[in-house]
Amino acid sequence: RVVPGHSFKFAATLQADQACDRPVLLRVEKAGSHGYRPTDRVIAEIADEFAFALANLGIRAP
């Protein structure tokens, strides 16, 4: 496990060191593991990834 503060510090460093003004996003999952994940969590993560990609590509829902 990683101490959550380390992830937040890393994201803050990325935010401070980048050349543009876009935000750095960090997805945190409580009680996560490297093993089995319930289907609803898998679906939620994939939905987040697609929403992020579509928003950054400028693709809007019909």
PDB file of N, CA and C in Angstrom:
ATOM      1  N   ARG A   1       0.836  -1.190   0.000  1.00  0.00           N
ATOM      2  CA  ARG A   1       0.000   0.000   0.000  1.00  0.00           C
ATOM      3  C   ARG A   1       0.873   1.243   0.000  1.00  0.00           C
ATOM      4  N   VAL A   2       0.319   2.275  -0.582  1.00  0.00           N
ATOM      5  CA  VAL A   2       1.002   3.566  -0.639  1.00  0.00           C
ATOM      6  C   VAL A   2       0.272   4.517   0.293  1.00  0.00           C
ATOM      7  N   VAL A   3       1.031   5.278   1.045  1.00  0.00           N
ATOM      8  CA  VAL A   3       0.429   6.296   1.901  1.00  0.00           C
ATOM      9  C   VAL A   3      -0.245   7.313   0.980  1.00  0.00           C
ATOM     10  N   PRO A   4      -1.534   7.623   1.175  1.00  0.00           N
ATOM     11  CA  PRO A   4      -2.233   8.539   0.262  1.00  0.00           C
ATOM     12  C   PRO A   4      -1.524   9.878   0.074  1.00  0.00           C
ATOM     13  N   GLY A   5      -0.891  10.356   1.111  1.00  0.00           N
ATOM     14  CA  GLY A   5      -0.192  11.631   1.017  1.00  0.00           C
ATOM     15  C   GLY A   5       0.893  11.641  -0.055  1.00  0.00           C
ATOM     16  N   HIS A   6       1.527  10.487  -0.295  1.00  0.00           N
ATOM     17  CA  HIS A   6       2.571  10.405  -1.314  1.00  0.00           C
ATOM     18  C   HIS A   6       1.980  10.661  -2.704  1.00  0.00           C
ATOM     19  N   SER A   7       0.821  10.085  -2.963  1.00  0.00           N
ATOM     20  CA  SER A   7       0.155  10.291  -4.255  1.00  0.00           C
ATOM     21  C   SER A   7      -0.244  11.751  -4.429  1.00  0.00           C
ATOM     22  N   PHE A   8      -0.737  12.359  -3.364  1.00  0.00           N
ATOM     23  CA  PHE A   8      -1.141  13.766  -3.429  1.00  0.00           C
ATOM     24  C   PHE A   8       0.070  14.670  -3.662  1.00  0.00           C
ATOM     25  N   LYS A   9       1.182  14.365  -2.999  1.00  0.00           N
ATOM     26  CA  LYS A   9       2.406  15.144  -3.192  1.00  0.00           C
ATOM     27  C   LYS A   9       2.910  15.004  -4.628  1.00  0.00           C
ATOM     28  N   PHE A  10       2.854  13.781  -5.163  1.00  0.00           N
ATOM     29  CA  PHE A  10       3.295  13.536  -6.529  1.00  0.00           C
ATOM     30  C   PHE A  10       2.449  14.338  -7.514  1.00  0.00           C
ATOM     31  N   ALA A  11       1.133  14.306  -7.338  1.00  0.00           N
ATOM     32  CA  ALA A  11       0.235  15.064  -8.218  1.00  0.00           C
ATOM     33  C   ALA A  11       0.507  16.563  -8.103  1.00  0.00           C
ATOM     34  N   ALA A  12       0.759  17.042  -6.895  1.00  0.00           N
ATOM     35  CA  ALA A  12       1.049  18.466  -6.695  1.00  0.00           C
ATOM     36  C   ALA A  12       2.358  18.860  -7.374  1.00  0.00           C
ATOM     37  N   THR A  13       3.355  17.988  -7.314  1.00  0.00           N
ATOM     38  CA  THR A  13       4.634  18.255  -7.980  1.00  0.00           C
ATOM     39  C   THR A  13       4.448  18.311  -9.492  1.00  0.00           C
ATOM     40  N   LEU A  14       3.690  17.359 -10.037  1.00  0.00           N
ATOM     41  CA  LEU A  14       3.401  17.379 -11.471  1.00  0.00           C
ATOM     42  C   LEU A  14       2.685  18.666 -11.857  1.00  0.00           C
ATOM     43  N   GLN A  15       1.725  19.067 -11.054  1.00  0.00           N
ATOM     44  CA  GLN A  15       0.948  20.286 -11.320  1.00  0.00           C
ATOM     45  C   GLN A  15       1.862  21.511 -11.330  1.00  0.00           C
ATOM     46  N   ALA A  16       2.752  21.586 -10.371  1.00  0.00           N
ATOM     47  CA  ALA A  16       3.627  22.754 -10.251  1.00  0.00           C
ATOM     48  C   ALA A  16       4.680  22.811 -11.359  1.00  0.00           C
ATOM     49  N   ASP A  17       5.127  21.643 -11.831  1.00  0.00           N
ATOM     50  CA  ASP A  17       6.235  21.600 -12.790  1.00  0.00           C
ATOM     51  C   ASP A  17       5.813  21.597 -14.258  1.00  0.00           C
ATOM     52  N   GLN A  18       4.533  21.504 -14.531  1.00  0.00           N
ATOM     53  CA  GLN A  18       4.127  21.449 -15.939  1.00  0.00           C
ATOM     54  C   GLN A  18       4.088  22.842 -16.554  1.00  0.00           C
ATOM     55  N   ALA A  19       4.166  22.875 -17.879  1.00  0.00           N
ATOM     56  CA  ALA A  19       4.241  24.149 -18.595  1.00  0.00           C
ATOM     57  C   ALA A  19       2.871  24.743 -18.913  1.00  0.00           C
ATOM     58  N   CYS A  20       1.809  23.955 -18.804  1.00  0.00           N
ATOM     59  CA  CYS A  20       0.475  24.468 -19.133  1.00  0.00           C
ATOM     60  C   CYS A  20      -0.339  24.667 -17.854  1.00  0.00           C
ATOM     61  N   ASP A  21      -1.559  25.172 -18.021  1.00  0.00           N
ATOM     62  CA  ASP A  21      -2.389  25.448 -16.845  1.00  0.00           C
ATOM     63  C   ASP A  21      -3.481  24.398 -16.639  1.00  0.00           C
ATOM     64  N   ARG A  22      -3.379  23.274 -17.316  1.00  0.00           N
ATOM     65  CA  ARG A  22      -4.382  22.221 -17.150  1.00  0.00           C
ATOM     66  C   ARG A  22      -4.178  21.508 -15.813  1.00  0.00           C
ATOM     67  N   PRO A  23      -5.259  21.054 -15.204  1.00  0.00           N
ATOM     68  CA  PRO A  23      -5.119  20.383 -13.913  1.00  0.00           C
ATOM     69  C   PRO A  23      -4.530  18.982 -14.058  1.00  0.00           C
ATOM     70  N   VAL A  24      -3.894  18.532 -13.013  1.00  0.00           N
ATOM     71  CA  VAL A  24      -3.444  17.143 -12.920  1.00  0.00           C
ATOM     72  C   VAL A  24      -4.502  16.411 -12.115  1.00  0.00           C
ATOM     73  N   LEU A  25      -5.006  15.330 -12.663  1.00  0.00           N
ATOM     74  CA  LEU A  25      -6.063  14.580 -11.993  1.00  0.00           C
ATOM     75  C   LEU A  25      -5.498  13.327 -11.353  1.00  0.00           C
ATOM     76  N   LEU A  26      -6.032  13.000 -10.200  1.00  0.00           N
ATOM     77  CA  LEU A  26      -5.607  11.819  -9.460  1.00  0.00           C
ATOM     78  C   LEU A  26      -6.850  11.041  -9.068  1.00  0.00           C
ATOM     79  N   ARG A  27      -6.879   9.772  -9.416  1.00  0.00           N
ATOM     80  CA  ARG A  27      -8.027   8.927  -9.058  1.00  0.00           C
ATOM     81  C   ARG A  27      -7.626   8.086  -7.850  1.00  0.00           C
ATOM     82  N   VAL A  28      -8.390   8.205  -6.789  1.00  0.00           N
ATOM     83  CA  VAL A  28      -8.104   7.481  -5.549  1.00  0.00           C
ATOM     84  C   VAL A  28      -9.206   6.465  -5.313  1.00  0.00           C
ATOM     85  N   GLU A  29      -8.806   5.249  -5.030  1.00  0.00           N
ATOM     86  CA  GLU A  29      -9.778   4.202  -4.739  1.00  0.00           C
ATOM     87  C   GLU A  29      -9.518   3.678  -3.332  1.00  0.00           C
ATOM     88  N   LYS A  30     -10.514   3.839  -2.479  1.00  0.00           N
ATOM     89  CA  LYS A  30     -10.383   3.350  -1.109  1.00  0.00           C
ATOM     90  C   LYS A  30     -10.500   1.832  -1.094  1.00  0.00           C
ATOM     91  N   ALA A  31      -9.758   1.209  -0.237  1.00  0.00           N
ATOM     92  CA  ALA A  31      -9.790  -0.246  -0.050  1.00  0.00           C
ATOM     93  C   ALA A  31      -9.501  -0.981  -1.351  1.00  0.00           C
ATOM     94  N   GLY A  32      -8.613  -0.427  -2.163  1.00  0.00           N
ATOM     95  CA  GLY A  32      -8.233  -1.086  -3.408  1.00  0.00           C
ATOM     96  C   GLY A  32      -7.198  -2.162  -3.145  1.00  0.00           C
ATOM     97  N   SER A  33      -7.039  -3.043  -4.109  1.00  0.00           N
ATOM     98  CA  SER A  33      -6.034  -4.094  -3.992  1.00  0.00           C
ATOM     99  C   SER A  33      -5.578  -4.487  -5.389  1.00  0.00           C
ATOM    100  N   HIS A  34      -4.610  -5.379  -5.455  1.00  0.00           N
ATOM    101  CA  HIS A  34      -4.108  -5.861  -6.737  1.00  0.00           C
ATOM    102  C   HIS A  34      -4.854  -7.104  -7.192  1.00  0.00           C
ATOM    103  N   GLY A  35      -5.773  -7.566  -6.396  1.00  0.00           N
ATOM    104  CA  GLY A  35      -6.492  -8.790  -6.721  1.00  0.00           C
ATOM    105  C   GLY A  35      -7.873  -8.527  -7.266  1.00  0.00           C
ATOM    106  N   TYR A  36      -8.815  -9.288  -6.796  1.00  0.00           N
ATOM    107  CA  TYR A  36     -10.200  -9.225  -7.257  1.00  0.00           C
ATOM    108  C   TYR A  36     -10.818  -7.868  -6.957  1.00  0.00           C
ATOM    109  N   ARG A  37     -11.588  -7.347  -7.907  1.00  0.00           N
ATOM    110  CA  ARG A  37     -12.382  -6.138  -7.695  1.00  0.00           C
ATOM    111  C   ARG A  37     -13.801  -6.431  -8.147  1.00  0.00           C
ATOM    112  N   PRO A  38     -14.775  -5.963  -7.407  1.00  0.00           N
ATOM    113  CA  PRO A  38     -16.162  -6.162  -7.822  1.00  0.00           C
ATOM    114  C   PRO A  38     -16.418  -5.514  -9.188  1.00  0.00           C
ATOM    115  N   THR A  39     -17.336  -6.092  -9.931  1.00  0.00           N
ATOM    116  CA  THR A  39     -17.647  -5.623 -11.280  1.00  0.00           C
ATOM    117  C   THR A  39     -18.032  -4.152 -11.301  1.00  0.00           C
ATOM    118  N   ASP A  40     -18.779  -3.693 -10.306  1.00  0.00           N
ATOM    119  CA  ASP A  40     -19.192  -2.285 -10.311  1.00  0.00           C
ATOM    120  C   ASP A  40     -17.997  -1.339 -10.215  1.00  0.00           C
ATOM    121  N   ARG A  41     -16.940  -1.733  -9.509  1.00  0.00           N
ATOM    122  CA  ARG A  41     -15.742  -0.883  -9.423  1.00  0.00           C
ATOM    123  C   ARG A  41     -14.975  -0.878 -10.740  1.00  0.00           C
ATOM    124  N   VAL A  42     -14.930  -2.033 -11.397  1.00  0.00           N
ATOM    125  CA  VAL A  42     -14.264  -2.116 -12.701  1.00  0.00           C
ATOM    126  C   VAL A  42     -14.998  -1.227 -13.701  1.00  0.00           C
ATOM    127  N   ILE A  43     -16.318  -1.314 -13.716  1.00  0.00           N
ATOM    128  CA  ILE A  43     -17.128  -0.502 -14.629  1.00  0.00           C
ATOM    129  C   ILE A  43     -16.942   0.984 -14.333  1.00  0.00           C
ATOM    130  N   ALA A  44     -16.916   1.355 -13.058  1.00  0.00           N
ATOM    131  CA  ALA A  44     -16.735   2.765 -12.682  1.00  0.00           C
ATOM    132  C   ALA A  44     -15.382   3.293 -13.152  1.00  0.00           C
ATOM    133  N   GLU A  45     -14.337   2.482 -13.015  1.00  0.00           N
ATOM    134  CA  GLU A  45     -13.009   2.922 -13.449  1.00  0.00           C
ATOM    135  C   GLU A  45     -12.960   3.092 -14.969  1.00  0.00           C
ATOM    136  N   ILE A  46     -13.511   2.138 -15.701  1.00  0.00           N
ATOM    137  CA  ILE A  46     -13.520   2.231 -17.162  1.00  0.00           C
ATOM    138  C   ILE A  46     -14.346   3.433 -17.616  1.00  0.00           C
ATOM    139  N   ALA A  47     -15.470   3.675 -16.959  1.00  0.00           N
ATOM    140  CA  ALA A  47     -16.302   4.836 -17.297  1.00  0.00           C
ATOM    141  C   ALA A  47     -15.533   6.134 -17.061  1.00  0.00           C
ATOM    142  N   ASP A  48     -14.790   6.216 -15.960  1.00  0.00           N
ATOM    143  CA  ASP A  48     -13.970   7.402 -15.686  1.00  0.00           C
ATOM    144  C   ASP A  48     -12.919   7.603 -16.778  1.00  0.00           C
ATOM    145  N   GLU A  49     -12.273   6.506 -17.196  1.00  0.00           N
ATOM    146  CA  GLU A  49     -11.233   6.598 -18.222  1.00  0.00           C
ATOM    147  C   GLU A  49     -11.810   7.080 -19.555  1.00  0.00           C
ATOM    148  N   PHE A  50     -12.956   6.518 -19.949  1.00  0.00           N
ATOM    149  CA  PHE A  50     -13.580   6.936 -21.200  1.00  0.00           C
ATOM    150  C   PHE A  50     -14.053   8.386 -21.123  1.00  0.00           C
ATOM    151  N   ALA A  51     -14.649   8.774 -20.011  1.00  0.00           N
ATOM    152  CA  ALA A  51     -15.123  10.150 -19.857  1.00  0.00           C
ATOM    153  C   ALA A  51     -13.956  11.129 -19.951  1.00  0.00           C
ATOM    154  N   PHE A  52     -12.841  10.792 -19.327  1.00  0.00           N
ATOM    155  CA  PHE A  52     -11.650  11.640 -19.382  1.00  0.00           C
ATOM    156  C   PHE A  52     -11.140  11.755 -20.816  1.00  0.00           C
ATOM    157  N   ALA A  53     -11.016  10.614 -21.496  1.00  0.00           N
ATOM    158  CA  ALA A  53     -10.502  10.617 -22.868  1.00  0.00           C
ATOM    159  C   ALA A  53     -11.420  11.408 -23.798  1.00  0.00           C
ATOM    160  N   LEU A  54     -12.714  11.159 -23.716  1.00  0.00           N
ATOM    161  CA  LEU A  54     -13.660  11.851 -24.595  1.00  0.00           C
ATOM    162  C   LEU A  54     -13.673  13.358 -24.339  1.00  0.00           C
ATOM    163  N   ALA A  55     -13.628  13.747 -23.074  1.00  0.00           N
ATOM    164  CA  ALA A  55     -13.624  15.175 -22.740  1.00  0.00           C
ATOM    165  C   ALA A  55     -12.372  15.859 -23.280  1.00  0.00           C
ATOM    166  N   ASN A  56     -11.234  15.186 -23.194  1.00  0.00           N
ATOM    167  CA  ASN A  56      -9.988  15.786 -23.662  1.00  0.00           C
ATOM    168  C   ASN A  56      -9.849  15.767 -25.177  1.00  0.00           C
ATOM    169  N   LEU A  57     -10.605  14.906 -25.838  1.00  0.00           N
ATOM    170  CA  LEU A  57     -10.621  14.888 -27.301  1.00  0.00           C
ATOM    171  C   LEU A  57     -11.693  15.813 -27.863  1.00  0.00           C
ATOM    172  N   GLY A  58     -12.491  16.400 -26.978  1.00  0.00           N
ATOM    173  CA  GLY A  58     -13.543  17.316 -27.404  1.00  0.00           C
ATOM    174  C   GLY A  58     -14.769  16.627 -27.969  1.00  0.00           C
ATOM    175  N   ILE A  59     -14.932  15.344 -27.660  1.00  0.00           N
ATOM    176  CA  ILE A  59     -16.080  14.586 -28.158  1.00  0.00           C
ATOM    177  C   ILE A  59     -17.225  14.735 -27.166  1.00  0.00           C
ATOM    178  N   ARG A  60     -18.371  15.163 -27.666  1.00  0.00           N
ATOM    179  CA  ARG A  60     -19.553  15.366 -26.826  1.00  0.00           C
ATOM    180  C   ARG A  60     -20.586  14.292 -27.114  1.00  0.00           C
ATOM    181  N   ALA A  61     -21.378  13.969 -26.132  1.00  0.00           N
ATOM    182  CA  ALA A  61     -22.464  12.999 -26.318  1.00  0.00           C
ATOM    183  C   ALA A  61     -23.523  13.604 -27.232  1.00  0.00           C
ATOM    184  N   PRO A  62     -24.153  12.769 -28.075  1.00  0.00           N
ATOM    185  CA  PRO A  62     -25.178  13.296 -28.994  1.00  0.00           C
ATOM    186  C   PRO A  62     -26.410  13.777 -28.261  1.00  0.00           C
TER     187      PRO A  62
END
